[in-house]
Amino acid sequence: SWQTDTGCAKRTVADVSAVADPATGVSVYDSYGVTAGFYTFGGTSASSPIIAGVYALGGTPSSGSYPAKFPYAKAGTAALNDVTTGSNGTCSTSYLCTARAGYDGPTGVGTPEGVSAFTG
């Protein structure tokens, strides 16, 4: 199940964000076969492992804490970079597709500035 919103019947909550543009993605060297070389990947193939890695580097949460709330508690602080411009399309409810100050659909509460966004 997922959270729904008046502007969308599907999942609308992005908690945090990371680079996902294939044009500015991560470079990977593939040494296999005749097409060996560097390739650039983006999208959730890059952003999901980046966020998972930063979460892991945050360390073991303290007993009785709820780690999924950490980014929301840090929203608006130096722990998260609030993405305020850009769009990933057009929606009937603009905040679902357009970055703005505070929470928005494409970037959630922002991009982590290191592990402090994921510590309690």
N, C-alpha and C. Protein backbone atom coordinates (compact mmCIF):
# COMPACT_ATOMS: atom_id res chain seq x y z
N SER A 1 0.83 -1.17 0.00
CA SER A 1 0.00 0.00 0.00
C SER A 1 0.88 1.24 0.00
N TRP A 2 0.32 2.38 -0.35
CA TRP A 2 1.06 3.64 -0.38
C TRP A 2 0.15 4.77 0.03
N GLN A 3 0.77 5.90 0.30
CA GLN A 3 0.01 7.09 0.64
C GLN A 3 -0.59 7.66 -0.63
N THR A 4 -1.83 8.10 -0.56
CA THR A 4 -2.44 8.73 -1.72
C THR A 4 -2.66 10.20 -1.44
N ASP A 5 -3.07 10.90 -2.46
CA ASP A 5 -3.18 12.35 -2.37
C ASP A 5 -4.37 12.77 -3.22
N THR A 6 -4.91 13.94 -2.98
CA THR A 6 -6.04 14.40 -3.78
C THR A 6 -5.66 14.59 -5.24
N GLY A 7 -4.38 14.82 -5.53
CA GLY A 7 -3.95 15.05 -6.90
C GLY A 7 -3.54 13.79 -7.64
N CYS A 8 -3.49 12.64 -6.96
CA CYS A 8 -3.00 11.43 -7.61
C CYS A 8 -3.48 10.20 -6.84
N ALA A 9 -3.95 9.19 -7.57
CA ALA A 9 -4.45 7.98 -6.92
C ALA A 9 -3.34 6.98 -6.63
N LYS A 10 -2.12 7.25 -7.10
CA LYS A 10 -1.00 6.34 -6.88
C LYS A 10 -0.07 6.91 -5.82
N ARG A 11 1.06 6.23 -5.58
CA ARG A 11 2.01 6.68 -4.56
C ARG A 11 2.52 8.07 -4.91
N THR A 12 2.50 8.98 -3.95
CA THR A 12 2.92 10.35 -4.22
C THR A 12 4.03 10.83 -3.30
N VAL A 13 4.52 9.99 -2.42
CA VAL A 13 5.48 10.45 -1.44
C VAL A 13 6.90 10.07 -1.82
N ALA A 14 7.72 11.07 -2.12
CA ALA A 14 9.16 10.88 -2.24
C ALA A 14 9.74 11.39 -0.93
N ASP A 15 10.41 10.53 -0.18
CA ASP A 15 10.95 10.96 1.11
C ASP A 15 12.13 11.89 0.93
N VAL A 16 13.13 11.44 0.18
CA VAL A 16 14.33 12.22 -0.12
C VAL A 16 14.69 11.96 -1.57
N SER A 17 15.69 12.66 -2.07
CA SER A 17 16.05 12.49 -3.48
C SER A 17 17.56 12.46 -3.65
N ALA A 18 17.97 12.03 -4.85
CA ALA A 18 19.39 12.01 -5.23
C ALA A 18 19.44 12.17 -6.74
N VAL A 19 20.62 12.39 -7.26
CA VAL A 19 20.80 12.57 -8.70
C VAL A 19 20.14 11.40 -9.45
N ALA A 20 19.39 11.70 -10.49
CA ALA A 20 18.74 10.66 -11.27
C ALA A 20 18.83 10.93 -12.76
N ASP A 21 19.38 12.04 -13.15
CA ASP A 21 19.49 12.41 -14.56
C ASP A 21 20.60 11.59 -15.23
N PRO A 22 20.28 10.78 -16.25
CA PRO A 22 21.33 10.01 -16.92
C PRO A 22 22.45 10.87 -17.50
N ALA A 23 22.16 12.13 -17.82
CA ALA A 23 23.19 13.01 -18.37
C ALA A 23 24.23 13.39 -17.31
N THR A 24 23.85 13.34 -16.04
CA THR A 24 24.79 13.66 -14.96
C THR A 24 24.90 12.50 -13.98
N GLY A 25 24.65 11.30 -14.46
CA GLY A 25 24.63 10.11 -13.61
C GLY A 25 26.01 9.67 -13.16
N VAL A 26 26.12 8.41 -12.84
CA VAL A 26 27.38 7.84 -12.37
C VAL A 26 28.03 7.06 -13.50
N SER A 27 29.36 7.14 -13.57
CA SER A 27 30.11 6.41 -14.59
C SER A 27 30.53 5.06 -14.04
N VAL A 28 30.36 4.04 -14.87
CA VAL A 28 30.73 2.68 -14.50
C VAL A 28 31.58 2.11 -15.63
N TYR A 29 32.69 1.47 -15.28
CA TYR A 29 33.53 0.86 -16.31
C TYR A 29 33.12 -0.59 -16.46
N ASP A 30 32.81 -0.99 -17.69
CA ASP A 30 32.44 -2.36 -18.02
C ASP A 30 33.60 -2.98 -18.79
N SER A 31 34.23 -3.98 -18.23
CA SER A 31 35.39 -4.61 -18.87
C SER A 31 35.02 -5.89 -19.61
N TYR A 32 33.75 -6.20 -19.68
CA TYR A 32 33.31 -7.46 -20.29
C TYR A 32 33.08 -7.31 -21.78
N GLY A 33 33.57 -8.27 -22.57
CA GLY A 33 33.27 -8.34 -24.00
C GLY A 33 33.96 -7.29 -24.84
N VAL A 34 33.50 -7.18 -26.08
CA VAL A 34 34.12 -6.26 -27.04
C VAL A 34 33.66 -4.82 -26.87
N THR A 35 32.66 -4.59 -26.07
CA THR A 35 32.16 -3.22 -25.87
C THR A 35 32.62 -2.65 -24.53
N ALA A 36 33.82 -3.04 -24.10
CA ALA A 36 34.34 -2.55 -22.83
C ALA A 36 34.49 -1.03 -22.87
N GLY A 37 34.27 -0.41 -21.74
CA GLY A 37 34.42 1.03 -21.65
C GLY A 37 33.56 1.61 -20.55
N PHE A 38 33.58 2.93 -20.46
CA PHE A 38 32.78 3.63 -19.46
C PHE A 38 31.37 3.87 -19.98
N TYR A 39 30.41 3.67 -19.11
CA TYR A 39 29.01 3.94 -19.41
C TYR A 39 28.45 4.81 -18.29
N THR A 40 27.49 5.64 -18.61
CA THR A 40 26.87 6.50 -17.61
C THR A 40 25.44 6.04 -17.38
N PHE A 41 25.10 5.87 -16.11
CA PHE A 41 23.77 5.42 -15.73
C PHE A 41 23.14 6.45 -14.80
N GLY A 42 21.84 6.58 -14.90
CA GLY A 42 21.11 7.50 -14.02
C GLY A 42 19.80 6.88 -13.60
N GLY A 43 18.88 7.70 -13.20
CA GLY A 43 17.57 7.21 -12.76
C GLY A 43 17.67 6.53 -11.41
N THR A 44 16.67 5.72 -11.11
CA THR A 44 16.67 5.03 -9.83
C THR A 44 17.78 3.99 -9.74
N SER A 45 18.37 3.60 -10.89
CA SER A 45 19.51 2.69 -10.87
C SER A 45 20.71 3.33 -10.19
N ALA A 46 20.76 4.64 -10.17
CA ALA A 46 21.83 5.37 -9.47
C ALA A 46 21.34 5.93 -8.14
N SER A 47 20.17 6.57 -8.13
CA SER A 47 19.73 7.27 -6.92
C SER A 47 19.38 6.34 -5.77
N SER A 48 18.76 5.21 -6.05
CA SER A 48 18.38 4.30 -4.96
C SER A 48 19.59 3.76 -4.21
N PRO A 49 20.64 3.26 -4.91
CA PRO A 49 21.82 2.81 -4.16
C PRO A 49 22.55 3.95 -3.45
N ILE A 50 22.53 5.15 -4.02
CA ILE A 50 23.16 6.29 -3.34
C ILE A 50 22.47 6.54 -2.00
N ILE A 51 21.15 6.62 -2.00
CA ILE A 51 20.40 6.88 -0.77
C ILE A 51 20.57 5.72 0.21
N ALA A 52 20.52 4.48 -0.29
CA ALA A 52 20.70 3.32 0.59
C ALA A 52 22.08 3.35 1.25
N GLY A 53 23.10 3.72 0.48
CA GLY A 53 24.45 3.80 1.02
C GLY A 53 24.59 4.87 2.08
N VAL A 54 23.99 6.03 1.84
CA VAL A 54 24.07 7.12 2.83
C VAL A 54 23.30 6.72 4.10
N TYR A 55 22.15 6.07 3.92
CA TYR A 55 21.39 5.59 5.08
C TYR A 55 22.24 4.63 5.90
N ALA A 56 22.90 3.68 5.21
CA ALA A 56 23.74 2.69 5.89
C ALA A 56 24.90 3.35 6.62
N LEU A 57 25.51 4.35 6.00
CA LEU A 57 26.63 5.05 6.64
C LEU A 57 26.18 5.81 7.88
N GLY A 58 24.89 6.09 7.99
CA GLY A 58 24.36 6.76 9.17
C GLY A 58 24.49 5.92 10.43
N GLY A 59 24.73 4.63 10.27
CA GLY A 59 24.95 3.74 11.41
C GLY A 59 23.67 3.14 11.95
N THR A 60 23.84 2.32 12.95
CA THR A 60 22.72 1.64 13.59
C THR A 60 21.90 2.64 14.40
N PRO A 61 20.60 2.71 14.14
CA PRO A 61 19.78 3.66 14.91
C PRO A 61 19.67 3.23 16.37
N SER A 62 19.45 4.17 17.22
CA SER A 62 19.33 3.86 18.64
C SER A 62 18.06 3.06 18.90
N SER A 63 18.10 2.27 19.94
CA SER A 63 16.98 1.42 20.31
C SER A 63 15.73 2.26 20.54
N GLY A 64 14.62 1.81 20.00
CA GLY A 64 13.35 2.49 20.20
C GLY A 64 13.12 3.66 19.26
N SER A 65 14.07 3.91 18.34
CA SER A 65 13.88 5.02 17.40
C SER A 65 13.16 4.52 16.15
N TYR A 66 12.73 5.42 15.33
CA TYR A 66 12.02 5.11 14.10
C TYR A 66 12.76 5.79 12.96
N PRO A 67 13.76 5.10 12.35
CA PRO A 67 14.65 5.72 11.36
C PRO A 67 13.96 6.35 10.16
N ALA A 68 12.79 5.86 9.77
CA ALA A 68 12.11 6.43 8.61
C ALA A 68 11.69 7.88 8.85
N LYS A 69 11.59 8.29 10.10
CA LYS A 69 11.18 9.67 10.40
C LYS A 69 12.35 10.64 10.40
N PHE A 70 13.59 10.14 10.43
CA PHE A 70 14.75 11.02 10.55
C PHE A 70 14.80 12.13 9.50
N PRO A 71 14.63 11.81 8.19
CA PRO A 71 14.68 12.90 7.21
C PRO A 71 13.60 13.96 7.42
N TYR A 72 12.42 13.55 7.86
CA TYR A 72 11.34 14.52 8.06
C TYR A 72 11.66 15.44 9.24
N ALA A 73 12.30 14.89 10.27
CA ALA A 73 12.68 15.71 11.42
C ALA A 73 13.78 16.70 11.05
N LYS A 74 14.56 16.39 10.01
CA LYS A 74 15.67 17.25 9.60
C LYS A 74 15.30 18.20 8.47
N ALA A 75 14.08 18.12 7.96
CA ALA A 75 13.65 18.99 6.86
C ALA A 75 13.84 20.45 7.25
N GLY A 76 14.36 21.23 6.32
CA GLY A 76 14.57 22.65 6.58
C GLY A 76 15.85 22.96 7.34
N THR A 77 16.69 21.94 7.57
CA THR A 77 17.97 22.16 8.26
C THR A 77 19.11 21.93 7.27
N ALA A 78 20.33 22.13 7.74
CA ALA A 78 21.51 21.93 6.89
C ALA A 78 21.73 20.46 6.54
N ALA A 79 21.01 19.54 7.17
CA ALA A 79 21.16 18.12 6.88
C ALA A 79 20.59 17.75 5.51
N LEU A 80 19.67 18.57 5.00
CA LEU A 80 19.04 18.31 3.71
C LEU A 80 19.09 19.55 2.84
N ASN A 81 19.43 19.35 1.58
CA ASN A 81 19.42 20.44 0.60
C ASN A 81 18.03 20.48 -0.03
N ASP A 82 17.28 21.51 0.24
CA ASP A 82 15.93 21.64 -0.31
C ASP A 82 16.01 22.00 -1.79
N VAL A 83 15.54 21.11 -2.66
CA VAL A 83 15.53 21.36 -4.10
C VAL A 83 14.32 22.22 -4.40
N THR A 84 14.52 23.41 -4.97
CA THR A 84 13.42 24.36 -5.15
C THR A 84 13.10 24.67 -6.60
N THR A 85 13.85 24.12 -7.55
CA THR A 85 13.55 24.36 -8.96
C THR A 85 13.61 23.05 -9.73
N GLY A 86 12.92 23.02 -10.86
CA GLY A 86 12.92 21.85 -11.72
C GLY A 86 11.56 21.19 -11.76
N SER A 87 11.39 20.33 -12.74
CA SER A 87 10.12 19.65 -12.93
C SER A 87 10.37 18.31 -13.61
N ASN A 88 9.51 17.35 -13.36
CA ASN A 88 9.60 16.08 -14.07
C ASN A 88 8.33 15.82 -14.88
N GLY A 89 7.69 16.87 -15.33
CA GLY A 89 6.50 16.72 -16.16
C GLY A 89 5.42 17.71 -15.75
N THR A 90 4.22 17.41 -16.17
CA THR A 90 3.08 18.26 -15.87
C THR A 90 2.03 17.42 -15.15
N CYS A 91 1.49 17.94 -14.09
CA CYS A 91 0.47 17.24 -13.31
C CYS A 91 -0.71 18.16 -13.05
N SER A 92 -1.84 17.56 -12.75
CA SER A 92 -3.01 18.38 -12.41
C SER A 92 -2.78 19.12 -11.09
N THR A 93 -2.00 18.53 -10.20
CA THR A 93 -1.62 19.18 -8.95
C THR A 93 -0.13 19.44 -9.05
N SER A 94 0.28 20.69 -9.25
CA SER A 94 1.65 21.02 -9.64
C SER A 94 2.73 20.56 -8.67
N TYR A 95 2.47 20.54 -7.36
CA TYR A 95 3.54 20.16 -6.45
C TYR A 95 3.95 18.70 -6.59
N LEU A 96 3.13 17.89 -7.25
CA LEU A 96 3.50 16.49 -7.47
C LEU A 96 4.60 16.36 -8.52
N CYS A 97 4.72 17.33 -9.43
CA CYS A 97 5.71 17.26 -10.51
C CYS A 97 6.72 18.40 -10.50
N THR A 98 6.52 19.41 -9.68
CA THR A 98 7.38 20.59 -9.72
C THR A 98 8.05 20.81 -8.36
N ALA A 99 9.37 20.96 -8.38
CA ALA A 99 10.09 21.24 -7.14
C ALA A 99 9.73 22.64 -6.64
N ARG A 100 9.69 22.78 -5.32
CA ARG A 100 9.39 24.06 -4.69
C ARG A 100 9.97 24.04 -3.28
N ALA A 101 9.93 25.14 -2.60
CA ALA A 101 10.44 25.20 -1.23
C ALA A 101 9.63 24.26 -0.34
N GLY A 102 10.30 23.55 0.53
CA GLY A 102 9.63 22.59 1.40
C GLY A 102 9.39 21.28 0.69
N TYR A 103 8.42 20.51 1.18
CA TYR A 103 8.12 19.22 0.58
C TYR A 103 7.52 19.39 -0.81
N ASP A 104 7.95 18.54 -1.74
CA ASP A 104 7.32 18.46 -3.06
C ASP A 104 7.42 17.03 -3.56
N GLY A 105 6.60 16.70 -4.55
CA GLY A 105 6.54 15.34 -5.06
C GLY A 105 7.84 14.80 -5.65
N PRO A 106 8.51 15.54 -6.54
CA PRO A 106 9.71 14.98 -7.17
C PRO A 106 10.90 14.79 -6.24
N THR A 107 11.07 15.65 -5.24
CA THR A 107 12.29 15.59 -4.43
C THR A 107 12.05 15.37 -2.94
N GLY A 108 10.81 15.19 -2.53
CA GLY A 108 10.52 14.98 -1.12
C GLY A 108 10.96 16.17 -0.29
N VAL A 109 11.72 15.90 0.77
CA VAL A 109 12.21 16.98 1.62
C VAL A 109 13.62 17.41 1.23
N GLY A 110 14.16 16.84 0.14
CA GLY A 110 15.45 17.29 -0.38
C GLY A 110 16.47 16.19 -0.54
N THR A 111 17.71 16.60 -0.83
CA THR A 111 18.83 15.67 -0.99
C THR A 111 19.69 15.72 0.27
N PRO A 112 20.16 14.56 0.73
CA PRO A 112 20.95 14.55 1.96
C PRO A 112 22.31 15.22 1.78
N GLU A 113 22.71 15.98 2.79
CA GLU A 113 24.04 16.58 2.85
C GLU A 113 24.87 15.69 3.78
N GLY A 114 25.19 14.50 3.31
CA GLY A 114 25.92 13.55 4.14
C GLY A 114 24.98 12.73 5.00
N VAL A 115 25.54 12.08 6.01
CA VAL A 115 24.76 11.14 6.80
C VAL A 115 23.87 11.79 7.86
N SER A 116 24.05 13.05 8.15
CA SER A 116 23.29 13.66 9.25
C SER A 116 21.78 13.65 9.03
N ALA A 117 21.34 13.54 7.78
CA ALA A 117 19.90 13.46 7.51
C ALA A 117 19.30 12.14 7.98
N PHE A 118 20.16 11.14 8.20
CA PHE A 118 19.68 9.80 8.53
C PHE A 118 20.16 9.32 9.89
N THR A 119 20.38 10.24 10.79
CA THR A 119 20.76 9.87 12.15
C THR A 119 19.76 10.50 13.12
N GLY A 120 19.55 9.84 14.23
CA GLY A 120 18.54 10.31 15.17
C GLY A 120 19.09 10.99 16.29
